Amino acid sequence: MDDVTVILSRMEKGEATSQELLNVVYDELRLLARSKMAGERQGHTLQATALVHEAWLGLGGAAQSRWENRRHFFGAAAEAMRRILVDHARQKNALKRGGGDAMREMSEDLVEFVAPVPELLAVHEVMSELEEEDPETAELVKLRYFVGMTMQETADAMGLKKRTAEGLWQFGRVWLKQRLS
């Protein structure tokens, strides 16, 4: 068992706190957030730390959530990051079209995206369909597309062999391309 799974098991028994979990996963979550933003233009306002903190709060922060293992936890983290990115994309889209009461200056907590906002929103819209059709592929797509994990990181987080993850990713990309064309 890895450290995350051990701590989750101890949390279930009341022997560990969410702070212990955060101490173990924080650096990994920051690396994931940073890798998601690696392709950004120079001088962008993105703060990987802000994305991690917002995702942690979205996961319940200090609340004792019931994650079964590493895969379950990182799947929940991917979903939280996905929601944050989509919310920010929608906000950016609304502001771009004159929505909102007043235009706000971009601050460090607003996320700039590698993917164009319309693409990110379109992928988000079809994800529920993929979740119903193939939940495992949907989880992999979230980790790769919304969190920015490498193939090896995704395979590790999901408890899969890299080759299996690559096959799911190939299927997921083709599936998304068909739905989005």
N, C-alpha and C. Protein backbone atom coordinates (compact mmCIF):
# COMPACT_ATOMS: atom_id res chain seq x y z
N MET A 1 0.84 -1.19 0.00
CA MET A 1 0.00 0.00 0.00
C MET A 1 0.87 1.24 0.00
N ASP A 2 0.49 2.26 -0.79
CA ASP A 2 1.26 3.49 -0.78
C ASP A 2 0.84 4.39 0.39
N ASP A 3 1.60 5.45 0.59
CA ASP A 3 1.35 6.35 1.73
C ASP A 3 -0.07 6.92 1.73
N VAL A 4 -0.58 7.29 0.55
CA VAL A 4 -1.91 7.89 0.46
C VAL A 4 -2.96 6.90 0.94
N THR A 5 -2.89 5.68 0.44
CA THR A 5 -3.87 4.66 0.82
C THR A 5 -3.79 4.36 2.32
N VAL A 6 -2.58 4.31 2.86
CA VAL A 6 -2.40 4.05 4.29
C VAL A 6 -3.05 5.17 5.11
N ILE A 7 -2.78 6.41 4.73
CA ILE A 7 -3.37 7.54 5.47
C ILE A 7 -4.88 7.54 5.33
N LEU A 8 -5.40 7.24 4.15
CA LEU A 8 -6.85 7.19 3.97
C LEU A 8 -7.47 6.12 4.86
N SER A 9 -6.80 4.98 4.96
CA SER A 9 -7.28 3.91 5.83
C SER A 9 -7.25 4.35 7.29
N ARG A 10 -6.19 5.03 7.68
CA ARG A 10 -6.08 5.53 9.05
C ARG A 10 -7.13 6.61 9.32
N MET A 11 -7.44 7.44 8.31
CA MET A 11 -8.47 8.47 8.48
C MET A 11 -9.83 7.82 8.73
N GLU A 12 -10.09 6.74 8.01
CA GLU A 12 -11.35 6.01 8.16
C GLU A 12 -11.54 5.53 9.60
N LYS A 13 -10.43 5.16 10.23
CA LYS A 13 -10.47 4.67 11.61
C LYS A 13 -10.35 5.79 12.64
N GLY A 14 -10.20 7.03 12.17
CA GLY A 14 -10.05 8.16 13.08
C GLY A 14 -8.64 8.29 13.64
N GLU A 15 -7.68 7.62 13.03
CA GLU A 15 -6.30 7.63 13.51
C GLU A 15 -5.43 8.65 12.80
N ALA A 16 -5.94 9.29 11.77
CA ALA A 16 -5.18 10.28 11.01
C ALA A 16 -6.12 11.43 10.64
N THR A 17 -5.53 12.55 10.34
CA THR A 17 -6.32 13.74 9.98
C THR A 17 -6.14 14.06 8.51
N SER A 18 -7.03 14.90 8.00
CA SER A 18 -6.90 15.33 6.61
C SER A 18 -5.64 16.16 6.43
N GLN A 19 -5.14 16.78 7.48
CA GLN A 19 -3.89 17.54 7.39
C GLN A 19 -2.72 16.61 7.05
N GLU A 20 -2.73 15.41 7.63
CA GLU A 20 -1.68 14.43 7.30
C GLU A 20 -1.77 14.05 5.83
N LEU A 21 -3.00 13.87 5.34
CA LEU A 21 -3.18 13.55 3.92
C LEU A 21 -2.67 14.70 3.07
N LEU A 22 -3.04 15.91 3.41
CA LEU A 22 -2.60 17.08 2.64
C LEU A 22 -1.07 17.16 2.62
N ASN A 23 -0.43 16.89 3.74
CA ASN A 23 1.03 16.93 3.78
C ASN A 23 1.65 15.95 2.78
N VAL A 24 1.01 14.79 2.60
CA VAL A 24 1.55 13.78 1.69
C VAL A 24 1.24 14.09 0.23
N VAL A 25 0.05 14.61 -0.06
CA VAL A 25 -0.35 14.80 -1.46
C VAL A 25 -0.12 16.22 -1.98
N TYR A 26 0.18 17.17 -1.11
CA TYR A 26 0.28 18.57 -1.53
C TYR A 26 1.28 18.78 -2.66
N ASP A 27 2.50 18.29 -2.48
CA ASP A 27 3.51 18.49 -3.52
C ASP A 27 3.10 17.84 -4.83
N GLU A 28 2.51 16.67 -4.74
CA GLU A 28 2.07 15.98 -5.96
C GLU A 28 0.94 16.75 -6.65
N LEU A 29 0.02 17.27 -5.86
CA LEU A 29 -1.06 18.08 -6.44
C LEU A 29 -0.50 19.35 -7.09
N ARG A 30 0.48 19.98 -6.46
CA ARG A 30 1.10 21.18 -7.05
C ARG A 30 1.80 20.84 -8.35
N LEU A 31 2.51 19.70 -8.38
CA LEU A 31 3.17 19.28 -9.62
C LEU A 31 2.15 19.05 -10.72
N LEU A 32 1.02 18.45 -10.36
CA LEU A 32 -0.03 18.21 -11.35
C LEU A 32 -0.59 19.52 -11.87
N ALA A 33 -0.86 20.45 -10.96
CA ALA A 33 -1.40 21.74 -11.37
C ALA A 33 -0.38 22.49 -12.23
N ARG A 34 0.89 22.43 -11.82
CA ARG A 34 1.93 23.10 -12.61
C ARG A 34 2.06 22.47 -13.99
N SER A 35 1.99 21.14 -14.06
CA SER A 35 2.12 20.49 -15.36
C SER A 35 0.95 20.85 -16.27
N LYS A 36 -0.22 21.05 -15.68
CA LYS A 36 -1.39 21.45 -16.45
C LYS A 36 -1.16 22.82 -17.08
N MET A 37 -0.42 23.65 -16.38
CA MET A 37 -0.21 25.01 -16.84
C MET A 37 1.13 25.22 -17.55
N ALA A 38 1.90 24.16 -17.76
CA ALA A 38 3.25 24.28 -18.31
C ALA A 38 3.29 24.92 -19.70
N GLY A 39 2.25 24.73 -20.49
CA GLY A 39 2.25 25.26 -21.84
C GLY A 39 1.78 26.70 -21.94
N GLU A 40 1.57 27.33 -20.82
CA GLU A 40 1.07 28.70 -20.83
C GLU A 40 2.09 29.67 -21.41
N ARG A 41 1.59 30.76 -21.92
CA ARG A 41 2.46 31.81 -22.44
C ARG A 41 3.25 32.40 -21.28
N GLN A 42 4.39 32.99 -21.59
CA GLN A 42 5.20 33.60 -20.54
C GLN A 42 4.46 34.79 -19.95
N GLY A 43 4.60 34.95 -18.64
CA GLY A 43 3.98 36.09 -17.96
C GLY A 43 2.51 35.91 -17.65
N HIS A 44 1.98 34.69 -17.83
CA HIS A 44 0.57 34.47 -17.50
C HIS A 44 0.35 34.63 -16.01
N THR A 45 -0.90 34.78 -15.61
CA THR A 45 -1.21 35.04 -14.21
C THR A 45 -1.53 33.77 -13.42
N LEU A 46 -1.34 32.64 -14.03
CA LEU A 46 -1.71 31.39 -13.39
C LEU A 46 -0.90 31.11 -12.13
N GLN A 47 -1.58 30.67 -11.13
CA GLN A 47 -0.94 30.24 -9.89
C GLN A 47 -1.38 28.80 -9.61
N ALA A 48 -0.45 27.87 -9.80
CA ALA A 48 -0.76 26.46 -9.55
C ALA A 48 -1.18 26.26 -8.10
N THR A 49 -0.57 27.01 -7.21
CA THR A 49 -0.89 26.89 -5.78
C THR A 49 -2.35 27.24 -5.53
N ALA A 50 -2.84 28.28 -6.18
CA ALA A 50 -4.24 28.68 -6.00
C ALA A 50 -5.18 27.58 -6.50
N LEU A 51 -4.82 26.94 -7.62
CA LEU A 51 -5.65 25.85 -8.14
C LEU A 51 -5.67 24.68 -7.16
N VAL A 52 -4.52 24.35 -6.59
CA VAL A 52 -4.46 23.25 -5.61
C VAL A 52 -5.30 23.58 -4.38
N HIS A 53 -5.14 24.79 -3.86
CA HIS A 53 -5.89 25.18 -2.66
C HIS A 53 -7.39 25.16 -2.92
N GLU A 54 -7.79 25.69 -4.07
CA GLU A 54 -9.22 25.69 -4.40
C GLU A 54 -9.74 24.27 -4.57
N ALA A 55 -8.94 23.40 -5.19
CA ALA A 55 -9.34 22.00 -5.36
C ALA A 55 -9.45 21.31 -4.00
N TRP A 56 -8.49 21.58 -3.10
CA TRP A 56 -8.52 20.98 -1.76
C TRP A 56 -9.79 21.40 -1.03
N LEU A 57 -10.12 22.68 -1.12
CA LEU A 57 -11.36 23.15 -0.49
C LEU A 57 -12.57 22.50 -1.13
N GLY A 58 -12.53 22.33 -2.46
CA GLY A 58 -13.62 21.66 -3.17
C GLY A 58 -13.77 20.20 -2.77
N LEU A 59 -12.68 19.60 -2.33
CA LEU A 59 -12.72 18.21 -1.87
C LEU A 59 -13.25 18.11 -0.44
N GLY A 60 -13.46 19.23 0.18
CA GLY A 60 -13.95 19.21 1.55
C GLY A 60 -12.90 19.68 2.54
N GLY A 61 -11.69 19.97 2.03
CA GLY A 61 -10.64 20.50 2.88
C GLY A 61 -10.45 19.68 4.13
N ALA A 62 -10.75 20.26 5.24
CA ALA A 62 -10.53 19.60 6.53
C ALA A 62 -11.62 18.57 6.85
N ALA A 63 -12.69 18.54 6.08
CA ALA A 63 -13.76 17.56 6.34
C ALA A 63 -13.22 16.15 6.11
N GLN A 64 -13.68 15.22 6.88
CA GLN A 64 -13.22 13.85 6.76
C GLN A 64 -13.97 13.15 5.62
N SER A 65 -13.45 13.29 4.40
CA SER A 65 -14.06 12.63 3.25
C SER A 65 -13.70 11.15 3.27
N ARG A 66 -14.46 10.36 2.59
CA ARG A 66 -14.27 8.92 2.59
C ARG A 66 -13.72 8.46 1.24
N TRP A 67 -12.43 8.62 1.05
CA TRP A 67 -11.78 8.14 -0.15
C TRP A 67 -11.26 6.75 0.13
N GLU A 68 -11.47 5.84 -0.78
CA GLU A 68 -11.10 4.44 -0.57
C GLU A 68 -9.60 4.20 -0.73
N ASN A 69 -8.99 4.86 -1.70
CA ASN A 69 -7.57 4.62 -1.99
C ASN A 69 -7.02 5.79 -2.81
N ARG A 70 -5.78 5.65 -3.21
CA ARG A 70 -5.10 6.68 -3.99
C ARG A 70 -5.88 7.03 -5.26
N ARG A 71 -6.34 6.00 -5.97
CA ARG A 71 -7.07 6.21 -7.21
C ARG A 71 -8.34 7.03 -6.97
N HIS A 72 -9.07 6.67 -5.94
CA HIS A 72 -10.31 7.36 -5.62
C HIS A 72 -10.02 8.82 -5.26
N PHE A 73 -8.98 9.05 -4.45
CA PHE A 73 -8.63 10.41 -4.05
C PHE A 73 -8.24 11.26 -5.26
N PHE A 74 -7.33 10.75 -6.11
CA PHE A 74 -6.89 11.55 -7.25
C PHE A 74 -7.99 11.70 -8.29
N GLY A 75 -8.91 10.74 -8.37
CA GLY A 75 -10.09 10.92 -9.23
C GLY A 75 -10.95 12.07 -8.73
N ALA A 76 -11.13 12.15 -7.42
CA ALA A 76 -11.90 13.25 -6.82
C ALA A 76 -11.16 14.57 -7.02
N ALA A 77 -9.83 14.56 -6.89
CA ALA A 77 -9.05 15.78 -7.11
C ALA A 77 -9.16 16.23 -8.56
N ALA A 78 -9.13 15.29 -9.49
CA ALA A 78 -9.28 15.63 -10.91
C ALA A 78 -10.63 16.26 -11.18
N GLU A 79 -11.66 15.70 -10.59
CA GLU A 79 -13.02 16.24 -10.76
C GLU A 79 -13.10 17.65 -10.17
N ALA A 80 -12.49 17.85 -9.02
CA ALA A 80 -12.50 19.19 -8.40
C ALA A 80 -11.77 20.19 -9.28
N MET A 81 -10.61 19.81 -9.82
CA MET A 81 -9.86 20.71 -10.71
C MET A 81 -10.65 20.98 -11.98
N ARG A 82 -11.32 19.95 -12.48
CA ARG A 82 -12.14 20.11 -13.68
C ARG A 82 -13.22 21.16 -13.44
N ARG A 83 -13.92 21.05 -12.31
CA ARG A 83 -14.98 22.01 -12.01
C ARG A 83 -14.43 23.42 -11.90
N ILE A 84 -13.28 23.56 -11.27
CA ILE A 84 -12.66 24.88 -11.11
C ILE A 84 -12.30 25.46 -12.47
N LEU A 85 -11.64 24.67 -13.30
CA LEU A 85 -11.24 25.14 -14.62
C LEU A 85 -12.45 25.52 -15.48
N VAL A 86 -13.49 24.71 -15.41
CA VAL A 86 -14.70 25.00 -16.19
C VAL A 86 -15.39 26.26 -15.67
N ASP A 87 -15.48 26.40 -14.35
CA ASP A 87 -16.08 27.62 -13.78
C ASP A 87 -15.32 28.86 -14.20
N HIS A 88 -14.00 28.79 -14.15
CA HIS A 88 -13.20 29.94 -14.56
C HIS A 88 -13.33 30.19 -16.06
N ALA A 89 -13.40 29.13 -16.86
CA ALA A 89 -13.58 29.29 -18.30
C ALA A 89 -14.92 29.96 -18.60
N ARG A 90 -15.96 29.53 -17.91
CA ARG A 90 -17.27 30.15 -18.11
C ARG A 90 -17.25 31.61 -17.70
N GLN A 91 -16.59 31.90 -16.59
CA GLN A 91 -16.48 33.28 -16.13
C GLN A 91 -15.71 34.12 -17.15
N LYS A 92 -14.62 33.60 -17.64
CA LYS A 92 -13.83 34.32 -18.64
C LYS A 92 -14.63 34.54 -19.91
N ASN A 93 -15.37 33.52 -20.32
CA ASN A 93 -16.21 33.62 -21.52
C ASN A 93 -17.29 34.68 -21.34
N ALA A 94 -17.92 34.70 -20.17
CA ALA A 94 -18.97 35.68 -19.89
C ALA A 94 -18.40 37.10 -19.89
N LEU A 95 -17.25 37.27 -19.27
CA LEU A 95 -16.63 38.59 -19.24
C LEU A 95 -16.23 39.04 -20.63
N LYS A 96 -15.74 38.11 -21.43
CA LYS A 96 -15.32 38.43 -22.79
C LYS A 96 -16.50 38.91 -23.63
N ARG A 97 -17.67 38.38 -23.34
CA ARG A 97 -18.87 38.75 -24.08
C ARG A 97 -19.64 39.88 -23.41
N GLY A 98 -19.02 40.53 -22.44
CA GLY A 98 -19.67 41.67 -21.80
C GLY A 98 -20.57 41.29 -20.65
N GLY A 99 -20.55 40.03 -20.23
CA GLY A 99 -21.39 39.60 -19.12
C GLY A 99 -20.88 40.12 -17.80
N GLY A 100 -21.66 39.99 -16.78
CA GLY A 100 -21.25 40.44 -15.46
C GLY A 100 -21.58 41.90 -15.27
N ASP A 101 -21.52 42.36 -14.04
CA ASP A 101 -21.86 43.74 -13.74
C ASP A 101 -20.81 44.70 -14.25
N ALA A 102 -19.55 44.32 -14.10
CA ALA A 102 -18.47 45.18 -14.56
C ALA A 102 -17.28 44.31 -14.91
N MET A 103 -16.49 44.78 -15.85
CA MET A 103 -15.28 44.06 -16.20
C MET A 103 -14.32 44.14 -15.03
N ARG A 104 -13.72 43.02 -14.70
CA ARG A 104 -12.74 42.99 -13.62
C ARG A 104 -11.38 42.77 -14.22
N GLU A 105 -10.38 43.32 -13.57
CA GLU A 105 -9.03 43.08 -13.99
C GLU A 105 -8.66 41.65 -13.64
N MET A 106 -7.92 40.98 -14.52
CA MET A 106 -7.51 39.61 -14.24
C MET A 106 -6.61 39.59 -13.02
N SER A 107 -6.93 38.74 -12.07
CA SER A 107 -6.11 38.62 -10.87
C SER A 107 -5.41 37.27 -10.87
N GLU A 108 -4.50 37.07 -9.94
CA GLU A 108 -3.71 35.85 -9.93
C GLU A 108 -4.54 34.60 -9.67
N ASP A 109 -5.72 34.76 -9.10
CA ASP A 109 -6.50 33.56 -8.81
C ASP A 109 -7.37 33.14 -9.99
N LEU A 110 -7.38 33.92 -11.07
CA LEU A 110 -8.10 33.51 -12.27
C LEU A 110 -7.16 32.70 -13.14
N VAL A 111 -7.67 31.62 -13.67
CA VAL A 111 -6.84 30.68 -14.39
C VAL A 111 -6.87 30.99 -15.88
N GLU A 112 -5.70 31.00 -16.50
CA GLU A 112 -5.59 31.09 -17.95
C GLU A 112 -5.38 29.67 -18.45
N PHE A 113 -5.84 29.36 -19.63
CA PHE A 113 -5.87 27.97 -20.07
C PHE A 113 -4.95 27.70 -21.24
N VAL A 114 -4.44 26.45 -21.27
CA VAL A 114 -3.70 25.99 -22.43
C VAL A 114 -4.69 25.75 -23.56
N ALA A 115 -5.77 25.07 -23.26
CA ALA A 115 -6.81 24.80 -24.25
C ALA A 115 -7.68 26.04 -24.41
N PRO A 116 -8.16 26.31 -25.62
CA PRO A 116 -9.07 27.44 -25.78
C PRO A 116 -10.33 27.23 -24.94
N VAL A 117 -10.86 28.32 -24.41
CA VAL A 117 -12.03 28.24 -23.54
C VAL A 117 -13.18 27.47 -24.20
N PRO A 118 -13.53 27.75 -25.47
CA PRO A 118 -14.65 26.99 -26.07
C PRO A 118 -14.37 25.48 -26.11
N GLU A 119 -13.12 25.08 -26.35
CA GLU A 119 -12.78 23.65 -26.36
C GLU A 119 -12.95 23.05 -24.97
N LEU A 120 -12.45 23.73 -23.96
CA LEU A 120 -12.56 23.24 -22.60
C LEU A 120 -14.03 23.05 -22.21
N LEU A 121 -14.86 24.03 -22.55
CA LEU A 121 -16.29 23.93 -22.22
C LEU A 121 -16.97 22.82 -23.01
N ALA A 122 -16.58 22.65 -24.27
CA ALA A 122 -17.17 21.59 -25.09
C ALA A 122 -16.81 20.21 -24.54
N VAL A 123 -15.55 20.03 -24.15
CA VAL A 123 -15.14 18.74 -23.58
C VAL A 123 -15.92 18.49 -22.29
N HIS A 124 -16.04 19.52 -21.47
CA HIS A 124 -16.80 19.37 -20.22
C HIS A 124 -18.24 18.93 -20.50
N GLU A 125 -18.85 19.51 -21.51
CA GLU A 125 -20.25 19.20 -21.82
C GLU A 125 -20.46 17.73 -22.18
N VAL A 126 -19.51 17.10 -22.88
CA VAL A 126 -19.70 15.71 -23.29
C VAL A 126 -19.17 14.70 -22.27
N MET A 127 -18.51 15.18 -21.22
CA MET A 127 -17.94 14.26 -20.24
C MET A 127 -18.99 13.42 -19.52
N SER A 128 -20.15 13.97 -19.25
CA SER A 128 -21.17 13.18 -18.55
C SER A 128 -21.61 11.99 -19.42
N GLU A 129 -21.65 12.19 -20.72
CA GLU A 129 -21.99 11.11 -21.64
C GLU A 129 -20.91 10.02 -21.61
N LEU A 130 -19.65 10.44 -21.59
CA LEU A 130 -18.55 9.47 -21.52
C LEU A 130 -18.55 8.76 -20.17
N GLU A 131 -18.87 9.47 -19.09
CA GLU A 131 -18.93 8.86 -17.76
C GLU A 131 -19.96 7.74 -17.72
N GLU A 132 -21.08 7.92 -18.41
CA GLU A 132 -22.10 6.87 -18.45
C GLU A 132 -21.65 5.70 -19.30
N GLU A 133 -21.03 6.00 -20.45
CA GLU A 133 -20.63 4.96 -21.39
C GLU A 133 -19.41 4.17 -20.90
N ASP A 134 -18.41 4.87 -20.37
CA ASP A 134 -17.17 4.22 -19.97
C ASP A 134 -16.52 5.01 -18.83
N PRO A 135 -16.92 4.72 -17.58
CA PRO A 135 -16.42 5.50 -16.43
C PRO A 135 -14.90 5.50 -16.29
N GLU A 136 -14.26 4.38 -16.59
CA GLU A 136 -12.80 4.32 -16.44
C GLU A 136 -12.10 5.24 -17.44
N THR A 137 -12.57 5.24 -18.68
CA THR A 137 -11.99 6.14 -19.67
C THR A 137 -12.28 7.58 -19.30
N ALA A 138 -13.46 7.86 -18.78
CA ALA A 138 -13.81 9.23 -18.37
C ALA A 138 -12.87 9.70 -17.26
N GLU A 139 -12.57 8.82 -16.32
CA GLU A 139 -11.65 9.18 -15.24
C GLU A 139 -10.26 9.49 -15.80
N LEU A 140 -9.82 8.66 -16.73
CA LEU A 140 -8.51 8.87 -17.34
C LEU A 140 -8.48 10.20 -18.10
N VAL A 141 -9.53 10.50 -18.84
CA VAL A 141 -9.59 11.76 -19.59
C VAL A 141 -9.52 12.94 -18.63
N LYS A 142 -10.23 12.86 -17.52
CA LYS A 142 -10.18 13.95 -16.53
C LYS A 142 -8.76 14.17 -16.03
N LEU A 143 -8.10 13.08 -15.69
CA LEU A 143 -6.74 13.19 -15.17
C LEU A 143 -5.77 13.75 -16.22
N ARG A 144 -5.92 13.32 -17.45
CA ARG A 144 -5.02 13.78 -18.51
C ARG A 144 -5.38 15.19 -18.98
N TYR A 145 -6.64 15.42 -19.30
CA TYR A 145 -7.05 16.68 -19.94
C TYR A 145 -7.22 17.81 -18.93
N PHE A 146 -7.92 17.57 -17.84
CA PHE A 146 -8.23 18.64 -16.91
C PHE A 146 -7.15 18.85 -15.85
N VAL A 147 -6.44 17.79 -15.47
CA VAL A 147 -5.41 17.92 -14.45
C VAL A 147 -4.03 18.03 -15.09
N GLY A 148 -3.83 17.43 -16.25
CA GLY A 148 -2.56 17.54 -16.94
C GLY A 148 -1.53 16.51 -16.53
N MET A 149 -1.99 15.37 -15.99
CA MET A 149 -1.06 14.31 -15.61
C MET A 149 -0.41 13.71 -16.85
N THR A 150 0.81 13.25 -16.69
CA THR A 150 1.46 12.49 -17.76
C THR A 150 0.79 11.12 -17.82
N MET A 151 1.12 10.37 -18.85
CA MET A 151 0.54 9.03 -18.99
C MET A 151 0.95 8.15 -17.81
N GLN A 152 2.22 8.22 -17.41
CA GLN A 152 2.69 7.40 -16.30
C GLN A 152 2.02 7.81 -14.99
N GLU A 153 1.88 9.12 -14.74
CA GLU A 153 1.20 9.59 -13.53
C GLU A 153 -0.25 9.13 -13.51
N THR A 154 -0.90 9.18 -14.66
CA THR A 154 -2.29 8.75 -14.76
C THR A 154 -2.40 7.26 -14.47
N ALA A 155 -1.54 6.48 -15.09
CA ALA A 155 -1.56 5.03 -14.88
C ALA A 155 -1.34 4.72 -13.40
N ASP A 156 -0.37 5.39 -12.78
CA ASP A 156 -0.09 5.15 -11.36
C ASP A 156 -1.29 5.53 -10.49
N ALA A 157 -1.88 6.69 -10.76
CA ALA A 157 -3.01 7.16 -9.96
C ALA A 157 -4.21 6.23 -10.08
N MET A 158 -4.38 5.62 -11.27
CA MET A 158 -5.52 4.74 -11.50
C MET A 158 -5.21 3.28 -11.20
N GLY A 159 -3.96 3.00 -10.87
CA GLY A 159 -3.59 1.61 -10.59
C GLY A 159 -3.59 0.75 -11.84
N LEU A 160 -3.21 1.33 -12.98
CA LEU A 160 -3.19 0.62 -14.25
C LEU A 160 -1.77 0.48 -14.76
N LYS A 161 -1.57 -0.44 -15.67
CA LYS A 161 -0.30 -0.50 -16.38
C LYS A 161 -0.32 0.65 -17.40
N LYS A 162 0.86 1.17 -17.68
CA LYS A 162 0.94 2.31 -18.60
C LYS A 162 0.33 1.97 -19.96
N ARG A 163 0.57 0.76 -20.44
CA ARG A 163 0.03 0.35 -21.75
C ARG A 163 -1.50 0.34 -21.75
N THR A 164 -2.09 -0.10 -20.66
CA THR A 164 -3.55 -0.10 -20.53
C THR A 164 -4.07 1.33 -20.54
N ALA A 165 -3.39 2.20 -19.79
CA ALA A 165 -3.78 3.62 -19.75
C ALA A 165 -3.67 4.24 -21.14
N GLU A 166 -2.62 3.91 -21.87
CA GLU A 166 -2.45 4.44 -23.22
C GLU A 166 -3.60 4.02 -24.13
N GLY A 167 -4.04 2.76 -24.00
CA GLY A 167 -5.17 2.28 -24.79
C GLY A 167 -6.46 3.03 -24.46
N LEU A 168 -6.69 3.25 -23.16
CA LEU A 168 -7.88 4.00 -22.75
C LEU A 168 -7.81 5.45 -23.25
N TRP A 169 -6.62 6.04 -23.19
CA TRP A 169 -6.44 7.42 -23.66
C TRP A 169 -6.71 7.51 -25.16
N GLN A 170 -6.22 6.54 -25.91
CA GLN A 170 -6.45 6.54 -27.35
C GLN A 170 -7.96 6.45 -27.63
N PHE A 171 -8.64 5.53 -26.94
CA PHE A 171 -10.09 5.41 -27.11
C PHE A 171 -10.78 6.72 -26.73
N GLY A 172 -10.39 7.29 -25.58
CA GLY A 172 -11.00 8.53 -25.11
C GLY A 172 -10.83 9.67 -26.08
N ARG A 173 -9.64 9.80 -26.66
CA ARG A 173 -9.40 10.88 -27.64
C ARG A 173 -10.27 10.71 -28.87
N VAL A 174 -10.35 9.48 -29.38
CA VAL A 174 -11.17 9.22 -30.56
C VAL A 174 -12.64 9.49 -30.23
N TRP A 175 -13.09 9.03 -29.07
CA TRP A 175 -14.47 9.23 -28.65
C TRP A 175 -14.79 10.72 -28.57
N LEU A 176 -13.90 11.49 -27.93
CA LEU A 176 -14.12 12.93 -27.82
C LEU A 176 -14.13 13.61 -29.18
N LYS A 177 -13.20 13.22 -30.04
CA LYS A 177 -13.13 13.82 -31.38
C LYS A 177 -14.43 13.59 -32.14
N GLN A 178 -14.98 12.38 -32.05
CA GLN A 178 -16.24 12.07 -32.72
C GLN A 178 -17.38 12.90 -32.17
N ARG A 179 -17.46 13.06 -30.86
CA ARG A 179 -18.56 13.80 -30.25
C ARG A 179 -18.45 15.30 -30.48
N LEU A 180 -17.21 15.78 -30.59
CA LEU A 180 -17.01 17.22 -30.71
C LEU A 180 -16.98 17.71 -32.15
N SER A 181 -16.93 16.76 -33.15
CA SER A 181 -16.92 17.22 -34.54
C SER A 181 -18.31 17.48 -35.04
